[in-house]
Amino acid sequence: MQLTKERAITLHRRMWRWIGLKTLREKRCVKKEEWFKRFKLNAICCECYCCEYAQQFMQYPDWLNVRCFYCPIDWGGERNCCDGKALFVLWRYEIDMDNWQEAGKLALQIAELPEREEI
């Protein structure tokens, strides 16, 4: 799937808002896979529009850290979504702990992360 930076960010925000609101409304942890199943969408890189966008620039698509260099989202000082205390890591932890309240709040925060200006 070819994506522009703007389209990747728009879809990223739409997906994470949907996850957050559905999680809080249904009082259960909603995972990214549900977005793709619900709307009958084809699988994309890491089930993430930002990863799919970044993948377009890769010669060696399996090099995660290099792909993250092209991520259009600013994860708050972290190098990528999977580093340290990035919101995505915290969201995955809450999903694993089946803490739907916190997972829903984190998903809504992820939806509003700013875009990176330097790429």
PDB file of N, CA and C in Angstrom:
ATOM      1  N   MET A   1       0.851  -1.172   0.000  1.00  0.00           N
ATOM      2  CA  MET A   1       0.000   0.000   0.000  1.00  0.00           C
ATOM      3  C   MET A   1       0.897   1.235   0.000  1.00  0.00           C
ATOM      4  N   GLN A   2       0.731   2.080  -0.993  1.00  0.00           N
ATOM      5  CA  GLN A   2       1.476   3.328  -1.059  1.00  0.00           C
ATOM      6  C   GLN A   2       0.729   4.397  -0.249  1.00  0.00           C
ATOM      7  N   LEU A   3       1.435   5.043   0.642  1.00  0.00           N
ATOM      8  CA  LEU A   3       0.834   6.072   1.488  1.00  0.00           C
ATOM      9  C   LEU A   3       1.665   7.344   1.447  1.00  0.00           C
ATOM     10  N   THR A   4       0.998   8.468   1.450  1.00  0.00           N
ATOM     11  CA  THR A   4       1.697   9.725   1.686  1.00  0.00           C
ATOM     12  C   THR A   4       1.835   9.878   3.198  1.00  0.00           C
ATOM     13  N   LYS A   5       2.714  10.757   3.612  1.00  0.00           N
ATOM     14  CA  LYS A   5       2.880  11.022   5.042  1.00  0.00           C
ATOM     15  C   LYS A   5       1.546  11.482   5.644  1.00  0.00           C
ATOM     16  N   GLU A   6       0.857  12.371   4.953  1.00  0.00           N
ATOM     17  CA  GLU A   6      -0.417  12.908   5.454  1.00  0.00           C
ATOM     18  C   GLU A   6      -1.459  11.807   5.600  1.00  0.00           C
ATOM     19  N   ARG A   7      -1.543  10.919   4.611  1.00  0.00           N
ATOM     20  CA  ARG A   7      -2.538   9.837   4.662  1.00  0.00           C
ATOM     21  C   ARG A   7      -2.202   8.845   5.770  1.00  0.00           C
ATOM     22  N   ALA A   8      -0.928   8.525   5.940  1.00  0.00           N
ATOM     23  CA  ALA A   8      -0.516   7.608   7.006  1.00  0.00           C
ATOM     24  C   ALA A   8      -0.902   8.169   8.372  1.00  0.00           C
ATOM     25  N   ILE A   9      -0.669   9.455   8.577  1.00  0.00           N
ATOM     26  CA  ILE A   9      -0.997  10.082   9.861  1.00  0.00           C
ATOM     27  C   ILE A   9      -2.516  10.120  10.061  1.00  0.00           C
ATOM     28  N   THR A  10      -3.256  10.444   9.021  1.00  0.00           N
ATOM     29  CA  THR A  10      -4.719  10.463   9.119  1.00  0.00           C
ATOM     30  C   THR A  10      -5.259   9.086   9.499  1.00  0.00           C
ATOM     31  N   LEU A  11      -4.782   8.046   8.825  1.00  0.00           N
ATOM     32  CA  LEU A  11      -5.249   6.691   9.123  1.00  0.00           C
ATOM     33  C   LEU A  11      -4.789   6.229  10.498  1.00  0.00           C
ATOM     34  N   HIS A  12      -3.574   6.599  10.884  1.00  0.00           N
ATOM     35  CA  HIS A  12      -3.056   6.301  12.229  1.00  0.00           C
ATOM     36  C   HIS A  12      -4.004   6.877  13.277  1.00  0.00           C
ATOM     37  N   ARG A  13      -4.352   8.149  13.146  1.00  0.00           N
ATOM     38  CA  ARG A  13      -5.226   8.813  14.121  1.00  0.00           C
ATOM     39  C   ARG A  13      -6.624   8.184  14.133  1.00  0.00           C
ATOM     40  N   ARG A  14      -7.153   7.906  12.958  1.00  0.00           N
ATOM     41  CA  ARG A  14      -8.492   7.315  12.863  1.00  0.00           C
ATOM     42  C   ARG A  14      -8.526   5.948  13.546  1.00  0.00           C
ATOM     43  N   MET A  15      -7.521   5.115  13.265  1.00  0.00           N
ATOM     44  CA  MET A  15      -7.477   3.783  13.847  1.00  0.00           C
ATOM     45  C   MET A  15      -7.357   3.843  15.369  1.00  0.00           C
ATOM     46  N   TRP A  16      -6.447   4.658  15.886  1.00  0.00           N
ATOM     47  CA  TRP A  16      -6.229   4.708  17.332  1.00  0.00           C
ATOM     48  C   TRP A  16      -7.403   5.342  18.072  1.00  0.00           C
ATOM     49  N   ARG A  17      -8.066   6.317  17.465  1.00  0.00           N
ATOM     50  CA  ARG A  17      -9.287   6.862  18.089  1.00  0.00           C
ATOM     51  C   ARG A  17     -10.354   5.779  18.172  1.00  0.00           C
ATOM     52  N   TRP A  18     -10.514   5.043  17.092  1.00  0.00           N
ATOM     53  CA  TRP A  18     -11.496   3.957  17.062  1.00  0.00           C
ATOM     54  C   TRP A  18     -11.174   2.928  18.137  1.00  0.00           C
ATOM     55  N   ILE A  19      -9.914   2.522  18.249  1.00  0.00           N
ATOM     56  CA  ILE A  19      -9.496   1.548  19.264  1.00  0.00           C
ATOM     57  C   ILE A  19      -9.794   2.083  20.664  1.00  0.00           C
ATOM     58  N   GLY A  20      -9.399   3.332  20.920  1.00  0.00           N
ATOM     59  CA  GLY A  20      -9.605   3.909  22.244  1.00  0.00           C
ATOM     60  C   GLY A  20     -11.071   4.027  22.608  1.00  0.00           C
ATOM     61  N   LEU A  21     -11.873   4.549  21.702  1.00  0.00           N
ATOM     62  CA  LEU A  21     -13.299   4.735  21.987  1.00  0.00           C
ATOM     63  C   LEU A  21     -14.030   3.395  22.124  1.00  0.00           C
ATOM     64  N   LYS A  22     -13.693   2.447  21.258  1.00  0.00           N
ATOM     65  CA  LYS A  22     -14.325   1.121  21.328  1.00  0.00           C
ATOM     66  C   LYS A  22     -13.927   0.412  22.623  1.00  0.00           C
ATOM     67  N   THR A  23     -12.680   0.555  23.028  1.00  0.00           N
ATOM     68  CA  THR A  23     -12.213  -0.040  24.279  1.00  0.00           C
ATOM     69  C   THR A  23     -13.012   0.515  25.456  1.00  0.00           C
ATOM     70  N   LEU A  24     -13.138   1.825  25.538  1.00  0.00           N
ATOM     71  CA  LEU A  24     -13.839   2.448  26.659  1.00  0.00           C
ATOM     72  C   LEU A  24     -15.344   2.172  26.605  1.00  0.00           C
ATOM     73  N   ARG A  25     -15.911   2.154  25.419  1.00  0.00           N
ATOM     74  CA  ARG A  25     -17.351   1.925  25.273  1.00  0.00           C
ATOM     75  C   ARG A  25     -17.719   0.483  25.621  1.00  0.00           C
ATOM     76  N   GLU A  26     -16.899  -0.460  25.159  1.00  0.00           N
ATOM     77  CA  GLU A  26     -17.215  -1.881  25.363  1.00  0.00           C
ATOM     78  C   GLU A  26     -16.591  -2.456  26.636  1.00  0.00           C
ATOM     79  N   LYS A  27     -15.796  -1.658  27.318  1.00  0.00           N
ATOM     80  CA  LYS A  27     -15.166  -2.068  28.583  1.00  0.00           C
ATOM     81  C   LYS A  27     -14.393  -3.379  28.435  1.00  0.00           C
ATOM     82  N   ARG A  28     -13.592  -3.388  27.370  1.00  0.00           N
ATOM     83  CA  ARG A  28     -12.709  -4.532  27.102  1.00  0.00           C
ATOM     84  C   ARG A  28     -11.545  -4.044  26.259  1.00  0.00           C
ATOM     85  N   CYS A  29     -10.464  -4.771  26.283  1.00  0.00           N
ATOM     86  CA  CYS A  29      -9.285  -4.388  25.505  1.00  0.00           C
ATOM     87  C   CYS A  29      -9.505  -4.710  24.031  1.00  0.00           C
ATOM     88  N   VAL A  30      -9.367  -3.694  23.197  1.00  0.00           N
ATOM     89  CA  VAL A  30      -9.505  -3.836  21.753  1.00  0.00           C
ATOM     90  C   VAL A  30      -8.114  -3.726  21.143  1.00  0.00           C
ATOM     91  N   LYS A  31      -7.763  -4.695  20.330  1.00  0.00           N
ATOM     92  CA  LYS A  31      -6.441  -4.724  19.704  1.00  0.00           C
ATOM     93  C   LYS A  31      -6.496  -4.184  18.278  1.00  0.00           C
ATOM     94  N   LYS A  32      -5.316  -3.898  17.752  1.00  0.00           N
ATOM     95  CA  LYS A  32      -5.229  -3.348  16.396  1.00  0.00           C
ATOM     96  C   LYS A  32      -5.837  -4.283  15.353  1.00  0.00           C
ATOM     97  N   GLU A  33      -5.697  -5.583  15.553  1.00  0.00           N
ATOM     98  CA  GLU A  33      -6.219  -6.541  14.570  1.00  0.00           C
ATOM     99  C   GLU A  33      -7.714  -6.337  14.320  1.00  0.00           C
ATOM    100  N   GLU A  34      -8.423  -5.916  15.353  1.00  0.00           N
ATOM    101  CA  GLU A  34      -9.874  -5.741  15.220  1.00  0.00           C
ATOM    102  C   GLU A  34     -10.234  -4.644  14.214  1.00  0.00           C
ATOM    103  N   TRP A  35      -9.413  -3.620  14.138  1.00  0.00           N
ATOM    104  CA  TRP A  35      -9.634  -2.546  13.154  1.00  0.00           C
ATOM    105  C   TRP A  35      -9.636  -3.123  11.743  1.00  0.00           C
ATOM    106  N   PHE A  36      -8.633  -3.936  11.461  1.00  0.00           N
ATOM    107  CA  PHE A  36      -8.487  -4.486  10.118  1.00  0.00           C
ATOM    108  C   PHE A  36      -9.586  -5.505   9.809  1.00  0.00           C
ATOM    109  N   LYS A  37      -9.972  -6.296  10.792  1.00  0.00           N
ATOM    110  CA  LYS A  37     -11.062  -7.258  10.588  1.00  0.00           C
ATOM    111  C   LYS A  37     -12.401  -6.547  10.427  1.00  0.00           C
ATOM    112  N   ARG A  38     -12.669  -5.579  11.274  1.00  0.00           N
ATOM    113  CA  ARG A  38     -13.958  -4.870  11.264  1.00  0.00           C
ATOM    114  C   ARG A  38     -14.218  -4.194   9.924  1.00  0.00           C
ATOM    115  N   PHE A  39     -13.182  -3.579   9.377  1.00  0.00           N
ATOM    116  CA  PHE A  39     -13.349  -2.839   8.122  1.00  0.00           C
ATOM    117  C   PHE A  39     -12.852  -3.616   6.905  1.00  0.00           C
ATOM    118  N   LYS A  40     -12.557  -4.905   7.106  1.00  0.00           N
ATOM    119  CA  LYS A  40     -12.143  -5.812   6.026  1.00  0.00           C
ATOM    120  C   LYS A  40     -10.974  -5.233   5.228  1.00  0.00           C
ATOM    121  N   LEU A  41      -9.957  -4.811   5.960  1.00  0.00           N
ATOM    122  CA  LEU A  41      -8.775  -4.201   5.349  1.00  0.00           C
ATOM    123  C   LEU A  41      -7.666  -5.229   5.201  1.00  0.00           C
ATOM    124  N   ASN A  42      -6.857  -5.058   4.186  1.00  0.00           N
ATOM    125  CA  ASN A  42      -5.703  -5.926   4.004  1.00  0.00           C
ATOM    126  C   ASN A  42      -4.676  -5.659   5.088  1.00  0.00           C
ATOM    127  N   ALA A  43      -3.920  -6.682   5.409  1.00  0.00           N
ATOM    128  CA  ALA A  43      -2.854  -6.543   6.402  1.00  0.00           C
ATOM    129  C   ALA A  43      -1.787  -5.584   5.878  1.00  0.00           C
ATOM    130  N   ILE A  44      -1.212  -4.844   6.792  1.00  0.00           N
ATOM    131  CA  ILE A  44      -0.108  -3.938   6.462  1.00  0.00           C
ATOM    132  C   ILE A  44       1.024  -4.183   7.452  1.00  0.00           C
ATOM    133  N   CYS A  45       2.144  -3.590   7.211  1.00  0.00           N
ATOM    134  CA  CYS A  45       3.334  -3.766   8.031  1.00  0.00           C
ATOM    135  C   CYS A  45       3.034  -3.452   9.503  1.00  0.00           C
ATOM    136  N   CYS A  46       3.189  -4.417  10.365  1.00  0.00           N
ATOM    137  CA  CYS A  46       3.018  -4.267  11.820  1.00  0.00           C
ATOM    138  C   CYS A  46       1.626  -3.778  12.217  1.00  0.00           C
ATOM    139  N   GLU A  47       0.665  -3.925  11.324  1.00  0.00           N
ATOM    140  CA  GLU A  47      -0.687  -3.391  11.562  1.00  0.00           C
ATOM    141  C   GLU A  47      -0.633  -1.924  11.966  1.00  0.00           C
ATOM    142  N   CYS A  48       0.231  -1.194  11.271  1.00  0.00           N
ATOM    143  CA  CYS A  48       0.484   0.215  11.607  1.00  0.00           C
ATOM    144  C   CYS A  48       0.671   1.012  10.319  1.00  0.00           C
ATOM    145  N   TYR A  49      -0.117   2.064  10.168  1.00  0.00           N
ATOM    146  CA  TYR A  49      -0.011   2.894   8.974  1.00  0.00           C
ATOM    147  C   TYR A  49       1.312   3.645   8.922  1.00  0.00           C
ATOM    148  N   CYS A  50       1.862   3.970  10.066  1.00  0.00           N
ATOM    149  CA  CYS A  50       3.157   4.663  10.095  1.00  0.00           C
ATOM    150  C   CYS A  50       4.284   3.721   9.674  1.00  0.00           C
ATOM    151  N   CYS A  51       4.237   2.469  10.133  1.00  0.00           N
ATOM    152  CA  CYS A  51       5.230   1.479   9.694  1.00  0.00           C
ATOM    153  C   CYS A  51       5.092   1.202   8.202  1.00  0.00           C
ATOM    154  N   GLU A  52       3.862   1.128   7.732  1.00  0.00           N
ATOM    155  CA  GLU A  52       3.628   0.900   6.306  1.00  0.00           C
ATOM    156  C   GLU A  52       4.201   2.055   5.478  1.00  0.00           C
ATOM    157  N   TYR A  53       3.985   3.277   5.951  1.00  0.00           N
ATOM    158  CA  TYR A  53       4.547   4.444   5.277  1.00  0.00           C
ATOM    159  C   TYR A  53       6.081   4.372   5.267  1.00  0.00           C
ATOM    160  N   ALA A  54       6.680   4.107   6.420  1.00  0.00           N
ATOM    161  CA  ALA A  54       8.138   4.071   6.541  1.00  0.00           C
ATOM    162  C   ALA A  54       8.744   2.946   5.701  1.00  0.00           C
ATOM    163  N   GLN A  55       8.016   1.851   5.583  1.00  0.00           N
ATOM    164  CA  GLN A  55       8.488   0.696   4.819  1.00  0.00           C
ATOM    165  C   GLN A  55       8.793   1.072   3.360  1.00  0.00           C
ATOM    166  N   GLN A  56       8.101   2.058   2.844  1.00  0.00           N
ATOM    167  CA  GLN A  56       8.289   2.479   1.450  1.00  0.00           C
ATOM    168  C   GLN A  56       9.700   2.968   1.167  1.00  0.00           C
ATOM    169  N   PHE A  57      10.412   3.388   2.201  1.00  0.00           N
ATOM    170  CA  PHE A  57      11.749   3.952   2.035  1.00  0.00           C
ATOM    171  C   PHE A  57      12.860   2.936   2.258  1.00  0.00           C
ATOM    172  N   MET A  58      12.489   1.718   2.568  1.00  0.00           N
ATOM    173  CA  MET A  58      13.467   0.719   2.973  1.00  0.00           C
ATOM    174  C   MET A  58      13.969  -0.126   1.820  1.00  0.00           C
ATOM    175  N   GLN A  59      15.266  -0.359   1.808  1.00  0.00           N
ATOM    176  CA  GLN A  59      15.831  -1.337   0.894  1.00  0.00           C
ATOM    177  C   GLN A  59      15.830  -2.710   1.549  1.00  0.00           C
ATOM    178  N   TYR A  60      15.933  -2.733   2.863  1.00  0.00           N
ATOM    179  CA  TYR A  60      15.957  -3.969   3.652  1.00  0.00           C
ATOM    180  C   TYR A  60      14.826  -3.876   4.679  1.00  0.00           C
ATOM    181  N   PRO A  61      13.586  -4.206   4.282  1.00  0.00           N
ATOM    182  CA  PRO A  61      12.417  -3.950   5.122  1.00  0.00           C
ATOM    183  C   PRO A  61      12.404  -4.645   6.473  1.00  0.00           C
ATOM    184  N   ASP A  62      13.261  -5.625   6.685  1.00  0.00           N
ATOM    185  CA  ASP A  62      13.214  -6.303   7.983  1.00  0.00           C
ATOM    186  C   ASP A  62      14.094  -5.615   9.024  1.00  0.00           C
ATOM    187  N   TRP A  63      14.721  -4.514   8.712  1.00  0.00           N
ATOM    188  CA  TRP A  63      15.552  -3.797   9.677  1.00  0.00           C
ATOM    189  C   TRP A  63      14.681  -2.795  10.423  1.00  0.00           C
ATOM    190  N   LEU A  64      14.096  -3.223  11.515  1.00  0.00           N
ATOM    191  CA  LEU A  64      13.129  -2.418  12.256  1.00  0.00           C
ATOM    192  C   LEU A  64      13.672  -1.048  12.643  1.00  0.00           C
ATOM    193  N   ASN A  65      14.865  -0.987  13.216  1.00  0.00           N
ATOM    194  CA  ASN A  65      15.381   0.297  13.701  1.00  0.00           C
ATOM    195  C   ASN A  65      15.617   1.295  12.574  1.00  0.00           C
ATOM    196  N   VAL A  66      15.978   0.799  11.404  1.00  0.00           N
ATOM    197  CA  VAL A  66      16.170   1.696  10.272  1.00  0.00           C
ATOM    198  C   VAL A  66      14.811   2.189   9.771  1.00  0.00           C
ATOM    199  N   ARG A  67      13.828   1.299   9.713  1.00  0.00           N
ATOM    200  CA  ARG A  67      12.489   1.700   9.284  1.00  0.00           C
ATOM    201  C   ARG A  67      11.942   2.777  10.218  1.00  0.00           C
ATOM    202  N   CYS A  68      12.183   2.653  11.499  1.00  0.00           N
ATOM    203  CA  CYS A  68      11.662   3.613  12.477  1.00  0.00           C
ATOM    204  C   CYS A  68      12.203   5.025  12.243  1.00  0.00           C
ATOM    205  N   PHE A  69      13.327   5.130  11.604  1.00  0.00           N
ATOM    206  CA  PHE A  69      13.881   6.446  11.275  1.00  0.00           C
ATOM    207  C   PHE A  69      12.897   7.252  10.428  1.00  0.00           C
ATOM    208  N   TYR A  70      12.075   6.569   9.636  1.00  0.00           N
ATOM    209  CA  TYR A  70      11.128   7.228   8.732  1.00  0.00           C
ATOM    210  C   TYR A  70       9.716   7.355   9.306  1.00  0.00           C
ATOM    211  N   CYS A  71       9.531   6.948  10.550  1.00  0.00           N
ATOM    212  CA  CYS A  71       8.201   7.038  11.160  1.00  0.00           C
ATOM    213  C   CYS A  71       7.755   8.500  11.194  1.00  0.00           C
ATOM    214  N   PRO A  72       6.527   8.779  10.745  1.00  0.00           N
ATOM    215  CA  PRO A  72       6.066  10.169  10.719  1.00  0.00           C
ATOM    216  C   PRO A  72       5.527  10.684  12.053  1.00  0.00           C
ATOM    217  N   ILE A  73       5.508   9.829  13.084  1.00  0.00           N
ATOM    218  CA  ILE A  73       4.968  10.222  14.390  1.00  0.00           C
ATOM    219  C   ILE A  73       6.100  10.485  15.378  1.00  0.00           C
ATOM    220  N   ASP A  74       5.942  11.529  16.165  1.00  0.00           N
ATOM    221  CA  ASP A  74       6.865  11.854  17.250  1.00  0.00           C
ATOM    222  C   ASP A  74       6.377  11.132  18.501  1.00  0.00           C
ATOM    223  N   TRP A  75       7.135  10.142  18.938  1.00  0.00           N
ATOM    224  CA  TRP A  75       6.743   9.317  20.078  1.00  0.00           C
ATOM    225  C   TRP A  75       7.196   9.905  21.410  1.00  0.00           C
ATOM    226  N   GLY A  76       7.459  11.185  21.449  1.00  0.00           N
ATOM    227  CA  GLY A  76       7.740  11.853  22.712  1.00  0.00           C
ATOM    228  C   GLY A  76       9.153  11.664  23.216  1.00  0.00           C
ATOM    229  N   GLY A  77      10.123  11.815  22.347  1.00  0.00           N
ATOM    230  CA  GLY A  77      11.511  11.712  22.764  1.00  0.00           C
ATOM    231  C   GLY A  77      12.099  10.327  22.582  1.00  0.00           C
ATOM    232  N   GLU A  78      11.238   9.343  22.397  1.00  0.00           N
ATOM    233  CA  GLU A  78      11.725   7.985  22.157  1.00  0.00           C
ATOM    234  C   GLU A  78      12.103   7.849  20.684  1.00  0.00           C
ATOM    235  N   ARG A  79      13.003   6.952  20.404  1.00  0.00           N
ATOM    236  CA  ARG A  79      13.432   6.744  19.017  1.00  0.00           C
ATOM    237  C   ARG A  79      12.299   6.177  18.168  1.00  0.00           C
ATOM    238  N   ASN A  80      11.510   5.297  18.778  1.00  0.00           N
ATOM    239  CA  ASN A  80      10.394   4.702  18.040  1.00  0.00           C
ATOM    240  C   ASN A  80       9.311   4.253  19.014  1.00  0.00           C
ATOM    241  N   CYS A  81       8.258   3.692  18.485  1.00  0.00           N
ATOM    242  CA  CYS A  81       7.106   3.308  19.304  1.00  0.00           C
ATOM    243  C   CYS A  81       7.415   2.192  20.290  1.00  0.00           C
ATOM    244  N   CYS A  82       8.458   1.425  20.050  1.00  0.00           N
ATOM    245  CA  CYS A  82       8.757   0.275  20.911  1.00  0.00           C
ATOM    246  C   CYS A  82       9.893   0.523  21.893  1.00  0.00           C
ATOM    247  N   ASP A  83      10.379   1.740  21.975  1.00  0.00           N
ATOM    248  CA  ASP A  83      11.465   2.058  22.905  1.00  0.00           C
ATOM    249  C   ASP A  83      10.924   2.466  24.272  1.00  0.00           C
ATOM    250  N   GLY A  84      11.552   1.963  25.295  1.00  0.00           N
ATOM    251  CA  GLY A  84      11.341   2.431  26.662  1.00  0.00           C
ATOM    252  C   GLY A  84       9.908   2.641  27.074  1.00  0.00           C
ATOM    253  N   LYS A  85       9.591   3.883  27.393  1.00  0.00           N
ATOM    254  CA  LYS A  85       8.275   4.238  27.918  1.00  0.00           C
ATOM    255  C   LYS A  85       7.367   4.869  26.864  1.00  0.00           C
ATOM    256  N   ALA A  86       7.594   4.571  25.610  1.00  0.00           N
ATOM    257  CA  ALA A  86       6.718   5.086  24.555  1.00  0.00           C
ATOM    258  C   ALA A  86       5.293   4.614  24.826  1.00  0.00           C
ATOM    259  N   LEU A  87       4.319   5.425  24.454  1.00  0.00           N
ATOM    260  CA  LEU A  87       2.920   5.116  24.732  1.00  0.00           C
ATOM    261  C   LEU A  87       2.485   3.763  24.175  1.00  0.00           C
ATOM    262  N   PHE A  88       3.028   3.381  23.028  1.00  0.00           N
ATOM    263  CA  PHE A  88       2.650   2.088  22.454  1.00  0.00           C
ATOM    264  C   PHE A  88       3.084   0.942  23.358  1.00  0.00           C
ATOM    265  N   VAL A  89       4.272   1.030  23.942  1.00  0.00           N
ATOM    266  CA  VAL A  89       4.757   0.001  24.865  1.00  0.00           C
ATOM    267  C   VAL A  89       3.841  -0.060  26.080  1.00  0.00           C
ATOM    268  N   LEU A  90       3.479   1.102  26.602  1.00  0.00           N
ATOM    269  CA  LEU A  90       2.579   1.153  27.755  1.00  0.00           C
ATOM    270  C   LEU A  90       1.207   0.576  27.389  1.00  0.00           C
ATOM    271  N   TRP A  91       0.698   0.890  26.203  1.00  0.00           N
ATOM    272  CA  TRP A  91      -0.585   0.357  25.753  1.00  0.00           C
ATOM    273  C   TRP A  91      -0.537  -1.174  25.668  1.00  0.00           C
ATOM    274  N   ARG A  92       0.523  -1.701  25.074  1.00  0.00           N
ATOM    275  CA  ARG A  92       0.649  -3.164  24.972  1.00  0.00           C
ATOM    276  C   ARG A  92       0.680  -3.817  26.348  1.00  0.00           C
ATOM    277  N   TYR A  93       1.368  -3.189  27.293  1.00  0.00           N
ATOM    278  CA  TYR A  93       1.406  -3.722  28.663  1.00  0.00           C
ATOM    279  C   TYR A  93      -0.006  -3.766  29.254  1.00  0.00           C
ATOM    280  N   GLU A  94      -0.766  -2.688  29.098  1.00  0.00           N
ATOM    281  CA  GLU A  94      -2.124  -2.638  29.649  1.00  0.00           C
ATOM    282  C   GLU A  94      -3.035  -3.656  28.962  1.00  0.00           C
ATOM    283  N   ILE A  95      -2.827  -3.872  27.668  1.00  0.00           N
ATOM    284  CA  ILE A  95      -3.578  -4.912  26.959  1.00  0.00           C
ATOM    285  C   ILE A  95      -3.251  -6.272  27.571  1.00  0.00           C
ATOM    286  N   ASP A  96      -1.964  -6.536  27.774  1.00  0.00           N
ATOM    287  CA  ASP A  96      -1.547  -7.816  28.363  1.00  0.00           C
ATOM    288  C   ASP A  96      -2.112  -8.007  29.767  1.00  0.00           C
ATOM    289  N   MET A  97      -2.245  -6.919  30.509  1.00  0.00           N
ATOM    290  CA  MET A  97      -2.782  -6.967  31.875  1.00  0.00           C
ATOM    291  C   MET A  97      -4.311  -6.926  31.893  1.00  0.00           C
ATOM    292  N   ASP A  98      -4.917  -6.828  30.712  1.00  0.00           N
ATOM    293  CA  ASP A  98      -6.364  -6.738  30.550  1.00  0.00           C
ATOM    294  C   ASP A  98      -6.957  -5.549  31.307  1.00  0.00           C
ATOM    295  N   ASN A  99      -6.225  -4.442  31.305  1.00  0.00           N
ATOM    296  CA  ASN A  99      -6.674  -3.205  31.940  1.00  0.00           C
ATOM    297  C   ASN A  99      -7.277  -2.301  30.872  1.00  0.00           C
ATOM    298  N   TRP A 100      -8.540  -2.518  30.568  1.00  0.00           N
ATOM    299  CA  TRP A 100      -9.186  -1.805  29.471  1.00  0.00           C
ATOM    300  C   TRP A 100      -9.273  -0.300  29.706  1.00  0.00           C
ATOM    301  N   GLN A 101      -9.435   0.132  30.962  1.00  0.00           N
ATOM    302  CA  GLN A 101      -9.542   1.565  31.220  1.00  0.00           C
ATOM    303  C   GLN A 101      -8.274   2.305  30.795  1.00  0.00           C
ATOM    304  N   GLU A 102      -7.148   1.803  31.249  1.00  0.00           N
ATOM    305  CA  GLU A 102      -5.875   2.453  30.915  1.00  0.00           C
ATOM    306  C   GLU A 102      -5.530   2.269  29.442  1.00  0.00           C
ATOM    307  N   ALA A 103      -5.816   1.086  28.890  1.00  0.00           N
ATOM    308  CA  ALA A 103      -5.551   0.831  27.465  1.00  0.00           C
ATOM    309  C   ALA A 103      -6.350   1.798  26.594  1.00  0.00           C
ATOM    310  N   GLY A 104      -7.590   2.047  26.948  1.00  0.00           N
ATOM    311  CA  GLY A 104      -8.415   2.976  26.180  1.00  0.00           C
ATOM    312  C   GLY A 104      -7.873   4.389  26.220  1.00  0.00           C
ATOM    313  N   LYS A 105      -7.457   4.830  27.393  1.00  0.00           N
ATOM    314  CA  LYS A 105      -6.885   6.183  27.533  1.00  0.00           C
ATOM    315  C   LYS A 105      -5.594   6.312  26.729  1.00  0.00           C
ATOM    316  N   LEU A 106      -4.744   5.295  26.806  1.00  0.00           N
ATOM    317  CA  LEU A 106      -3.480   5.334  26.070  1.00  0.00           C
ATOM    318  C   LEU A 106      -3.707   5.339  24.559  1.00  0.00           C
ATOM    319  N   ALA A 107      -4.682   4.565  24.092  1.00  0.00           N
ATOM    320  CA  ALA A 107      -4.978   4.537  22.654  1.00  0.00           C
ATOM    321  C   ALA A 107      -5.396   5.932  22.180  1.00  0.00           C
ATOM    322  N   LEU A 108      -6.196   6.620  22.969  1.00  0.00           N
ATOM    323  CA  LEU A 108      -6.612   7.982  22.592  1.00  0.00           C
ATOM    324  C   LEU A 108      -5.430   8.948  22.609  1.00  0.00           C
ATOM    325  N   GLN A 109      -4.487   8.746  23.517  1.00  0.00           N
ATOM    326  CA  GLN A 109      -3.277   9.577  23.539  1.00  0.00           C
ATOM    327  C   GLN A 109      -2.409   9.289  22.325  1.00  0.00           C
ATOM    328  N   ILE A 110      -2.291   8.021  21.959  1.00  0.00           N
ATOM    329  CA  ILE A 110      -1.512   7.650  20.770  1.00  0.00           C
ATOM    330  C   ILE A 110      -2.103   8.317  19.525  1.00  0.00           C
ATOM    331  N   ALA A 111      -3.417   8.363  19.453  1.00  0.00           N
ATOM    332  CA  ALA A 111      -4.079   8.984  18.303  1.00  0.00           C
ATOM    333  C   ALA A 111      -3.702  10.447  18.138  1.00  0.00           C
ATOM    334  N   GLU A 112      -3.371  11.117  19.217  1.00  0.00           N
ATOM    335  CA  GLU A 112      -3.099  12.557  19.177  1.00  0.00           C
ATOM    336  C   GLU A 112      -1.618  12.922  19.192  1.00  0.00           C
ATOM    337  N   LEU A 113      -0.747  11.935  19.117  1.00  0.00           N
ATOM    338  CA  LEU A 113       0.690  12.237  19.090  1.00  0.00           C
ATOM    339  C   LEU A 113       1.006  13.153  17.900  1.00  0.00           C
ATOM    340  N   PRO A 114       1.919  14.086  18.077  1.00  0.00           N
ATOM    341  CA  PRO A 114       2.248  15.004  16.973  1.00  0.00           C
ATOM    342  C   PRO A 114       3.074  14.300  15.894  1.00  0.00           C
ATOM    343  N   GLU A 115       3.052  14.885  14.733  1.00  0.00           N
ATOM    344  CA  GLU A 115       3.888  14.343  13.662  1.00  0.00           C
ATOM    345  C   GLU A 115       5.306  14.867  13.809  1.00  0.00           C
ATOM    346  N   ARG A 116       6.242  14.075  13.304  1.00  0.00           N
ATOM    347  CA  ARG A 116       7.642  14.493  13.299  1.00  0.00           C
ATOM    348  C   ARG A 116       7.836  15.480  12.159  1.00  0.00           C
ATOM    349  N   GLU A 117       8.549  16.507  12.424  1.00  0.00           N
ATOM    350  CA  GLU A 117       8.792  17.536  11.396  1.00  0.00           C
ATOM    351  C   GLU A 117      10.046  17.257  10.573  1.00  0.00           C
ATOM    352  N   GLU A 118      11.006  16.525  11.148  1.00  0.00           N
ATOM    353  CA  GLU A 118      12.317  16.429  10.510  1.00  0.00           C
ATOM    354  C   GLU A 118      12.424  15.390   9.410  1.00  0.00           C
ATOM    355  N   ILE A 119      11.407  14.580   9.151  1.00  0.00           N
ATOM    356  CA  ILE A 119      11.567  13.580   8.087  1.00  0.00           C
ATOM    357  C   ILE A 119      10.982  14.093   6.788  1.00  0.00           C
TER     358      ILE A 119
END
